[in-house]
Amino acid sequence: MGAISAACAVVLAAAWLAIWIRDNHPPYRTPEQVAADVARYRADRLTQQTIADREACEAIWNLTEIPQPRKETGQ
């Protein structure tokens, strides 16, 4: 009877371990998913840079006067 109880305990422990691994395993990402994430990140960065460049150009375009370069004072 003790051997059956021990075998039953081993089977239950193995089943519990299999369920735990299934529930706690991080999701596997395919290389295509990783490439898509990288492309999305790069596109977002490019969009942010384009918006910043456009705002800088608008700020320059909307200047009321052209700033004069600083003159050297010789100090």
N, C-alpha and C. Protein backbone atom coordinates (compact mmCIF):
# COMPACT_ATOMS: atom_id res chain seq x y z
N MET A 1 0.82 -1.18 0.00
CA MET A 1 0.00 0.00 0.00
C MET A 1 0.87 1.25 0.00
N GLY A 2 2.01 1.16 0.67
CA GLY A 2 2.89 2.32 0.73
C GLY A 2 3.48 2.67 -0.62
N ALA A 3 3.74 1.67 -1.45
CA ALA A 3 4.29 1.91 -2.78
C ALA A 3 3.27 2.61 -3.66
N ILE A 4 2.00 2.23 -3.51
CA ILE A 4 0.94 2.87 -4.30
C ILE A 4 0.77 4.32 -3.87
N SER A 5 0.83 4.59 -2.58
CA SER A 5 0.72 5.95 -2.08
C SER A 5 1.89 6.81 -2.56
N ALA A 6 3.06 6.23 -2.56
CA ALA A 6 4.24 6.96 -3.02
C ALA A 6 4.14 7.25 -4.52
N ALA A 7 3.68 6.27 -5.28
CA ALA A 7 3.53 6.47 -6.72
C ALA A 7 2.47 7.52 -7.00
N CYS A 8 1.39 7.48 -6.26
CA CYS A 8 0.31 8.47 -6.41
C CYS A 8 0.83 9.87 -6.08
N ALA A 9 1.63 9.99 -5.03
CA ALA A 9 2.20 11.29 -4.65
C ALA A 9 3.13 11.81 -5.74
N VAL A 10 3.92 10.92 -6.34
CA VAL A 10 4.82 11.32 -7.42
C VAL A 10 4.03 11.81 -8.62
N VAL A 11 2.97 11.09 -8.98
CA VAL A 11 2.14 11.48 -10.13
C VAL A 11 1.47 12.83 -9.86
N LEU A 12 0.95 13.02 -8.68
CA LEU A 12 0.30 14.30 -8.35
C LEU A 12 1.31 15.44 -8.35
N ALA A 13 2.51 15.19 -7.83
CA ALA A 13 3.54 16.22 -7.84
C ALA A 13 3.95 16.56 -9.27
N ALA A 14 4.07 15.57 -10.11
CA ALA A 14 4.43 15.81 -11.51
C ALA A 14 3.33 16.60 -12.22
N ALA A 15 2.06 16.25 -11.95
CA ALA A 15 0.95 16.98 -12.56
C ALA A 15 0.93 18.42 -12.07
N TRP A 16 1.14 18.62 -10.77
CA TRP A 16 1.16 19.98 -10.24
C TRP A 16 2.30 20.78 -10.87
N LEU A 17 3.48 20.17 -11.02
CA LEU A 17 4.62 20.84 -11.62
C LEU A 17 4.34 21.20 -13.07
N ALA A 18 3.72 20.30 -13.82
CA ALA A 18 3.39 20.58 -15.22
C ALA A 18 2.41 21.74 -15.33
N ILE A 19 1.42 21.77 -14.48
CA ILE A 19 0.45 22.88 -14.49
C ILE A 19 1.14 24.19 -14.10
N TRP A 20 1.99 24.15 -13.10
CA TRP A 20 2.69 25.36 -12.67
C TRP A 20 3.58 25.90 -13.78
N ILE A 21 4.30 25.01 -14.47
CA ILE A 21 5.17 25.44 -15.56
C ILE A 21 4.33 26.05 -16.69
N ARG A 22 3.20 25.43 -17.01
CA ARG A 22 2.34 25.96 -18.07
C ARG A 22 1.83 27.36 -17.71
N ASP A 23 1.44 27.56 -16.47
CA ASP A 23 0.88 28.85 -16.06
C ASP A 23 1.92 29.93 -15.87
N ASN A 24 3.16 29.56 -15.52
CA ASN A 24 4.18 30.56 -15.19
C ASN A 24 5.25 30.72 -16.26
N HIS A 25 5.13 30.01 -17.34
CA HIS A 25 6.10 30.13 -18.41
C HIS A 25 5.84 31.42 -19.17
N PRO A 26 6.88 32.22 -19.40
CA PRO A 26 6.64 33.46 -20.16
C PRO A 26 6.23 33.12 -21.59
N PRO A 27 5.39 33.93 -22.18
CA PRO A 27 4.93 33.61 -23.53
C PRO A 27 6.09 33.66 -24.53
N TYR A 28 6.11 32.73 -25.41
CA TYR A 28 7.16 32.66 -26.42
C TYR A 28 6.81 33.62 -27.54
N ARG A 29 7.77 34.44 -27.92
CA ARG A 29 7.57 35.39 -29.02
C ARG A 29 8.36 34.91 -30.22
N THR A 30 7.70 34.85 -31.34
CA THR A 30 8.35 34.39 -32.56
C THR A 30 9.28 35.48 -33.07
N PRO A 31 10.24 35.12 -33.91
CA PRO A 31 11.11 36.14 -34.50
C PRO A 31 10.32 37.19 -35.30
N GLU A 32 9.22 36.78 -35.91
CA GLU A 32 8.39 37.74 -36.64
C GLU A 32 7.76 38.76 -35.70
N GLN A 33 7.34 38.32 -34.52
CA GLN A 33 6.76 39.24 -33.54
C GLN A 33 7.81 40.22 -33.04
N VAL A 34 9.01 39.71 -32.80
CA VAL A 34 10.10 40.58 -32.33
C VAL A 34 10.44 41.60 -33.41
N ALA A 35 10.52 41.16 -34.66
CA ALA A 35 10.82 42.08 -35.76
C ALA A 35 9.73 43.13 -35.90
N ALA A 36 8.47 42.73 -35.73
CA ALA A 36 7.37 43.69 -35.82
C ALA A 36 7.45 44.71 -34.68
N ASP A 37 7.80 44.26 -33.48
CA ASP A 37 7.95 45.18 -32.35
C ASP A 37 9.08 46.17 -32.59
N VAL A 38 10.19 45.69 -33.12
CA VAL A 38 11.33 46.56 -33.41
C VAL A 38 10.95 47.58 -34.48
N ALA A 39 10.26 47.14 -35.52
CA ALA A 39 9.83 48.06 -36.59
C ALA A 39 8.87 49.10 -36.05
N ARG A 40 7.95 48.69 -35.18
CA ARG A 40 6.99 49.64 -34.59
C ARG A 40 7.72 50.66 -33.72
N TYR A 41 8.71 50.20 -32.94
CA TYR A 41 9.48 51.10 -32.10
C TYR A 41 10.25 52.11 -32.96
N ARG A 42 10.89 51.63 -34.02
CA ARG A 42 11.64 52.54 -34.88
C ARG A 42 10.72 53.53 -35.58
N ALA A 43 9.54 53.09 -36.00
CA ALA A 43 8.59 54.00 -36.63
C ALA A 43 8.12 55.06 -35.64
N ASP A 44 7.88 54.66 -34.40
CA ASP A 44 7.47 55.63 -33.38
C ASP A 44 8.57 56.66 -33.13
N ARG A 45 9.82 56.20 -33.05
CA ARG A 45 10.93 57.13 -32.85
C ARG A 45 11.06 58.10 -34.03
N LEU A 46 10.92 57.58 -35.24
CA LEU A 46 11.00 58.43 -36.43
C LEU A 46 9.87 59.45 -36.45
N THR A 47 8.68 59.03 -36.05
CA THR A 47 7.54 59.95 -35.98
C THR A 47 7.80 61.04 -34.96
N GLN A 48 8.31 60.69 -33.79
CA GLN A 48 8.61 61.68 -32.76
C GLN A 48 9.67 62.66 -33.24
N GLN A 49 10.69 62.15 -33.92
CA GLN A 49 11.75 63.02 -34.43
C GLN A 49 11.21 63.95 -35.51
N THR A 50 10.34 63.44 -36.37
CA THR A 50 9.75 64.25 -37.42
C THR A 50 8.89 65.37 -36.84
N ILE A 51 8.13 65.05 -35.81
CA ILE A 51 7.30 66.07 -35.16
C ILE A 51 8.18 67.14 -34.52
N ALA A 52 9.25 66.72 -33.85
CA ALA A 52 10.16 67.68 -33.22
C ALA A 52 10.82 68.56 -34.28
N ASP A 53 11.23 67.97 -35.40
CA ASP A 53 11.85 68.76 -36.47
C ASP A 53 10.85 69.75 -37.06
N ARG A 54 9.62 69.32 -37.24
CA ARG A 54 8.59 70.22 -37.78
C ARG A 54 8.32 71.38 -36.84
N GLU A 55 8.25 71.10 -35.54
CA GLU A 55 8.03 72.18 -34.57
C GLU A 55 9.19 73.16 -34.57
N ALA A 56 10.41 72.66 -34.71
CA ALA A 56 11.57 73.54 -34.77
C ALA A 56 11.52 74.40 -36.02
N CYS A 57 11.16 73.81 -37.15
CA CYS A 57 11.05 74.59 -38.39
C CYS A 57 9.96 75.65 -38.28
N GLU A 58 8.83 75.30 -37.67
CA GLU A 58 7.76 76.28 -37.49
C GLU A 58 8.22 77.42 -36.60
N ALA A 59 8.97 77.10 -35.55
CA ALA A 59 9.46 78.15 -34.65
C ALA A 59 10.39 79.09 -35.40
N ILE A 60 11.24 78.55 -36.26
CA ILE A 60 12.14 79.39 -37.04
C ILE A 60 11.34 80.21 -38.05
N TRP A 61 10.36 79.60 -38.70
CA TRP A 61 9.55 80.28 -39.72
C TRP A 61 8.75 81.43 -39.11
N ASN A 62 8.32 81.27 -37.88
CA ASN A 62 7.46 82.27 -37.24
C ASN A 62 8.25 83.36 -36.51
N LEU A 63 9.56 83.40 -36.66
CA LEU A 63 10.34 84.46 -36.03
C LEU A 63 9.96 85.80 -36.65
N THR A 64 9.81 86.82 -35.82
CA THR A 64 9.45 88.14 -36.34
C THR A 64 10.68 88.88 -36.87
N GLU A 65 11.83 88.57 -36.34
CA GLU A 65 13.05 89.18 -36.85
C GLU A 65 14.17 88.15 -36.81
N ILE A 66 15.13 88.35 -37.65
CA ILE A 66 16.25 87.42 -37.72
C ILE A 66 17.23 87.78 -36.61
N PRO A 67 17.56 86.85 -35.77
CA PRO A 67 18.50 87.14 -34.70
C PRO A 67 19.89 87.47 -35.28
N GLN A 68 20.51 88.48 -34.72
CA GLN A 68 21.84 88.87 -35.17
C GLN A 68 22.88 88.09 -34.38
N PRO A 69 23.95 87.71 -35.02
CA PRO A 69 25.00 87.00 -34.28
C PRO A 69 25.62 87.90 -33.24
N ARG A 70 26.10 87.33 -32.18
CA ARG A 70 26.74 88.10 -31.11
C ARG A 70 28.06 88.68 -31.62
N LYS A 71 28.33 89.86 -31.18
CA LYS A 71 29.59 90.48 -31.56
C LYS A 71 30.61 90.18 -30.47
N GLU A 72 31.84 89.98 -30.90
CA GLU A 72 32.92 89.72 -29.96
C GLU A 72 33.25 91.03 -29.25
N THR A 73 33.38 90.96 -27.94
CA THR A 73 33.70 92.16 -27.18
C THR A 73 35.18 92.29 -26.90
N GLY A 74 35.93 91.26 -27.16
CA GLY A 74 37.37 91.30 -26.95
C GLY A 74 37.80 91.16 -25.51
N GLN A 75 36.95 90.68 -24.65
CA GLN A 75 37.31 90.53 -23.24
C GLN A 75 38.06 89.28 -22.98
